[in-house]
Amino acid sequence: MDPLTILAAAAGAVAAVVAAPVAVSAIGFTAGGIAGGSIASWLMSITATANGGGVAAGSLVSLLQAIGAAGFSAAAQTVIGAIGALGGAFGWNIVL
């Protein structure tokens, strides 16, 4: 593997690990709860309506809120980093 591909993979991994929690927070899943008027509040409303008024444990909304409140686990960060590394490496190779 050439050095530029390795560098692109490393950059992709770092960018993904940094960007993932920012993205979750940006759509409204925050440490203080779901932000009013956000995409998260809209998702929560849809989920609650579909489930008779509650948001089920294990649903996408509850998972994203847990991430917003506590952050990603080390295992999740590893997976996100690996996906980012693949994206960086393959993206760099496409550019070439």
C-alpha atoms as a PDB file:
ATOM      1  CA  MET A   1       0.000   0.000   0.000  1.00  0.00           C
ATOM      2  CA  ASP A   2       1.416   3.369  -0.946  1.00  0.00           C
ATOM      3  CA  PRO A   3       2.042   6.060   1.703  1.00  0.00           C
ATOM      4  CA  LEU A   4      -0.652   8.416   0.381  1.00  0.00           C
ATOM      5  CA  THR A   5      -3.301   5.709   0.693  1.00  0.00           C
ATOM      6  CA  ILE A   6      -2.184   5.037   4.267  1.00  0.00           C
ATOM      7  CA  LEU A   7      -2.345   8.750   5.030  1.00  0.00           C
ATOM      8  CA  ALA A   8      -5.806   9.019   3.458  1.00  0.00           C
ATOM      9  CA  ALA A   9      -7.010   6.014   5.477  1.00  0.00           C
ATOM     10  CA  ALA A  10      -5.693   7.535   8.710  1.00  0.00           C
ATOM     11  CA  ALA A  11      -7.292  10.886   7.915  1.00  0.00           C
ATOM     12  CA  GLY A  12     -10.586   9.172   7.106  1.00  0.00           C
ATOM     13  CA  ALA A  13     -10.521   7.278  10.400  1.00  0.00           C
ATOM     14  CA  VAL A  14      -9.838  10.395  12.458  1.00  0.00           C
ATOM     15  CA  ALA A  15     -12.406  12.460  10.578  1.00  0.00           C
ATOM     16  CA  ALA A  16     -15.113   9.829  11.058  1.00  0.00           C
ATOM     17  CA  VAL A  17     -14.471   9.439  14.792  1.00  0.00           C
ATOM     18  CA  VAL A  18     -14.523  13.224  15.264  1.00  0.00           C
ATOM     19  CA  ALA A  19     -17.496  13.880  12.982  1.00  0.00           C
ATOM     20  CA  ALA A  20     -19.857  11.163  14.240  1.00  0.00           C
ATOM     21  CA  PRO A  21     -20.676  12.707  17.653  1.00  0.00           C
ATOM     22  CA  VAL A  22     -20.865  16.161  16.084  1.00  0.00           C
ATOM     23  CA  ALA A  23     -23.409  14.867  13.570  1.00  0.00           C
ATOM     24  CA  VAL A  24     -25.528  13.203  16.281  1.00  0.00           C
ATOM     25  CA  SER A  25     -25.548  16.426  18.277  1.00  0.00           C
ATOM     26  CA  ALA A  26     -26.248  18.547  15.201  1.00  0.00           C
ATOM     27  CA  ILE A  27     -29.488  16.712  14.489  1.00  0.00           C
ATOM     28  CA  GLY A  28     -30.636  17.343  18.053  1.00  0.00           C
ATOM     29  CA  PHE A  29     -29.575  14.401  20.214  1.00  0.00           C
ATOM     30  CA  THR A  30     -27.692  16.263  22.958  1.00  0.00           C
ATOM     31  CA  ALA A  31     -26.377  15.564  26.442  1.00  0.00           C
ATOM     32  CA  GLY A  32     -29.267  17.596  27.837  1.00  0.00           C
ATOM     33  CA  GLY A  33     -31.925  15.670  25.916  1.00  0.00           C
ATOM     34  CA  ILE A  34     -33.616  16.050  22.579  1.00  0.00           C
ATOM     35  CA  ALA A  35     -33.498  19.638  21.318  1.00  0.00           C
ATOM     36  CA  GLY A  36     -36.862  21.182  20.554  1.00  0.00           C
ATOM     37  CA  GLY A  37     -37.605  21.884  16.912  1.00  0.00           C
ATOM     38  CA  SER A  38     -34.805  19.616  15.724  1.00  0.00           C
ATOM     39  CA  ILE A  39     -34.724  16.597  13.453  1.00  0.00           C
ATOM     40  CA  ALA A  40     -34.402  14.529  16.639  1.00  0.00           C
ATOM     41  CA  SER A  41     -37.673  15.908  18.017  1.00  0.00           C
ATOM     42  CA  TRP A  42     -39.379  15.164  14.710  1.00  0.00           C
ATOM     43  CA  LEU A  43     -38.041  11.578  14.766  1.00  0.00           C
ATOM     44  CA  MET A  44     -39.152  11.173  18.363  1.00  0.00           C
ATOM     45  CA  SER A  45     -42.646  12.418  17.509  1.00  0.00           C
ATOM     46  CA  ILE A  46     -42.968  10.001  14.596  1.00  0.00           C
ATOM     47  CA  THR A  47     -41.683   7.096  16.694  1.00  0.00           C
ATOM     48  CA  ALA A  48     -43.986   7.884  19.615  1.00  0.00           C
ATOM     49  CA  THR A  49     -47.004   8.202  17.319  1.00  0.00           C
ATOM     50  CA  ALA A  50     -46.219   4.867  15.685  1.00  0.00           C
ATOM     51  CA  ASN A  51     -45.838   3.167  19.082  1.00  0.00           C
ATOM     52  CA  GLY A  52     -48.966   4.446  20.756  1.00  0.00           C
ATOM     53  CA  GLY A  53     -47.364   7.379  22.565  1.00  0.00           C
ATOM     54  CA  GLY A  54     -44.031   6.006  23.754  1.00  0.00           C
ATOM     55  CA  VAL A  55     -40.561   5.520  22.380  1.00  0.00           C
ATOM     56  CA  ALA A  56     -39.529   1.896  22.664  1.00  0.00           C
ATOM     57  CA  ALA A  57     -36.231   0.958  24.268  1.00  0.00           C
ATOM     58  CA  GLY A  58     -33.822  -0.187  21.591  1.00  0.00           C
ATOM     59  CA  SER A  59     -35.371   1.972  18.878  1.00  0.00           C
ATOM     60  CA  LEU A  60     -33.233   4.183  16.670  1.00  0.00           C
ATOM     61  CA  VAL A  61     -34.387   7.269  18.576  1.00  0.00           C
ATOM     62  CA  SER A  62     -33.467   5.793  21.954  1.00  0.00           C
ATOM     63  CA  LEU A  63     -30.100   4.607  20.609  1.00  0.00           C
ATOM     64  CA  LEU A  64     -29.254   8.024  19.182  1.00  0.00           C
ATOM     65  CA  GLN A  65     -30.325   9.755  22.398  1.00  0.00           C
ATOM     66  CA  ALA A  66     -28.105   7.428  24.414  1.00  0.00           C
ATOM     67  CA  ILE A  67     -25.218   8.335  22.102  1.00  0.00           C
ATOM     68  CA  GLY A  68     -26.061  12.022  22.420  1.00  0.00           C
ATOM     69  CA  ALA A  69     -26.095  11.774  26.203  1.00  0.00           C
ATOM     70  CA  ALA A  70     -23.099   9.512  26.797  1.00  0.00           C
ATOM     71  CA  GLY A  71     -21.132   9.467  23.550  1.00  0.00           C
ATOM     72  CA  PHE A  72     -19.976   6.494  21.549  1.00  0.00           C
ATOM     73  CA  SER A  73     -18.493   3.440  23.240  1.00  0.00           C
ATOM     74  CA  ALA A  74     -14.910   2.435  22.489  1.00  0.00           C
ATOM     75  CA  ALA A  75     -16.180  -0.426  20.341  1.00  0.00           C
ATOM     76  CA  ALA A  76     -18.420   1.905  18.351  1.00  0.00           C
ATOM     77  CA  GLN A  77     -15.545   4.357  17.869  1.00  0.00           C
ATOM     78  CA  THR A  78     -13.419   1.503  16.551  1.00  0.00           C
ATOM     79  CA  VAL A  79     -16.071   0.526  14.010  1.00  0.00           C
ATOM     80  CA  ILE A  80     -16.623   4.143  12.971  1.00  0.00           C
ATOM     81  CA  GLY A  81     -12.879   4.620  12.601  1.00  0.00           C
ATOM     82  CA  ALA A  82     -12.574   1.493  10.472  1.00  0.00           C
ATOM     83  CA  ILE A  83     -15.392   2.655   8.200  1.00  0.00           C
ATOM     84  CA  GLY A  84     -13.755   6.071   7.912  1.00  0.00           C
ATOM     85  CA  ALA A  85     -10.404   4.461   7.110  1.00  0.00           C
ATOM     86  CA  LEU A  86     -11.960   2.408   4.342  1.00  0.00           C
ATOM     87  CA  GLY A  87     -13.675   5.488   2.983  1.00  0.00           C
ATOM     88  CA  GLY A  88     -10.452   7.467   3.086  1.00  0.00           C
ATOM     89  CA  ALA A  89      -8.394   4.748   1.435  1.00  0.00           C
ATOM     90  CA  PHE A  90     -10.894   3.934  -1.297  1.00  0.00           C
ATOM     91  CA  GLY A  91     -11.765   7.589  -1.827  1.00  0.00           C
ATOM     92  CA  TRP A  92      -8.114   8.427  -2.281  1.00  0.00           C
ATOM     93  CA  ASN A  93      -7.685   5.566  -4.746  1.00  0.00           C
ATOM     94  CA  ILE A  94     -10.695   6.770  -6.744  1.00  0.00           C
ATOM     95  CA  VAL A  95      -9.113  10.224  -7.006  1.00  0.00           C
ATOM     96  CA  LEU A  96      -5.977   8.668  -8.433  1.00  0.00           C
END
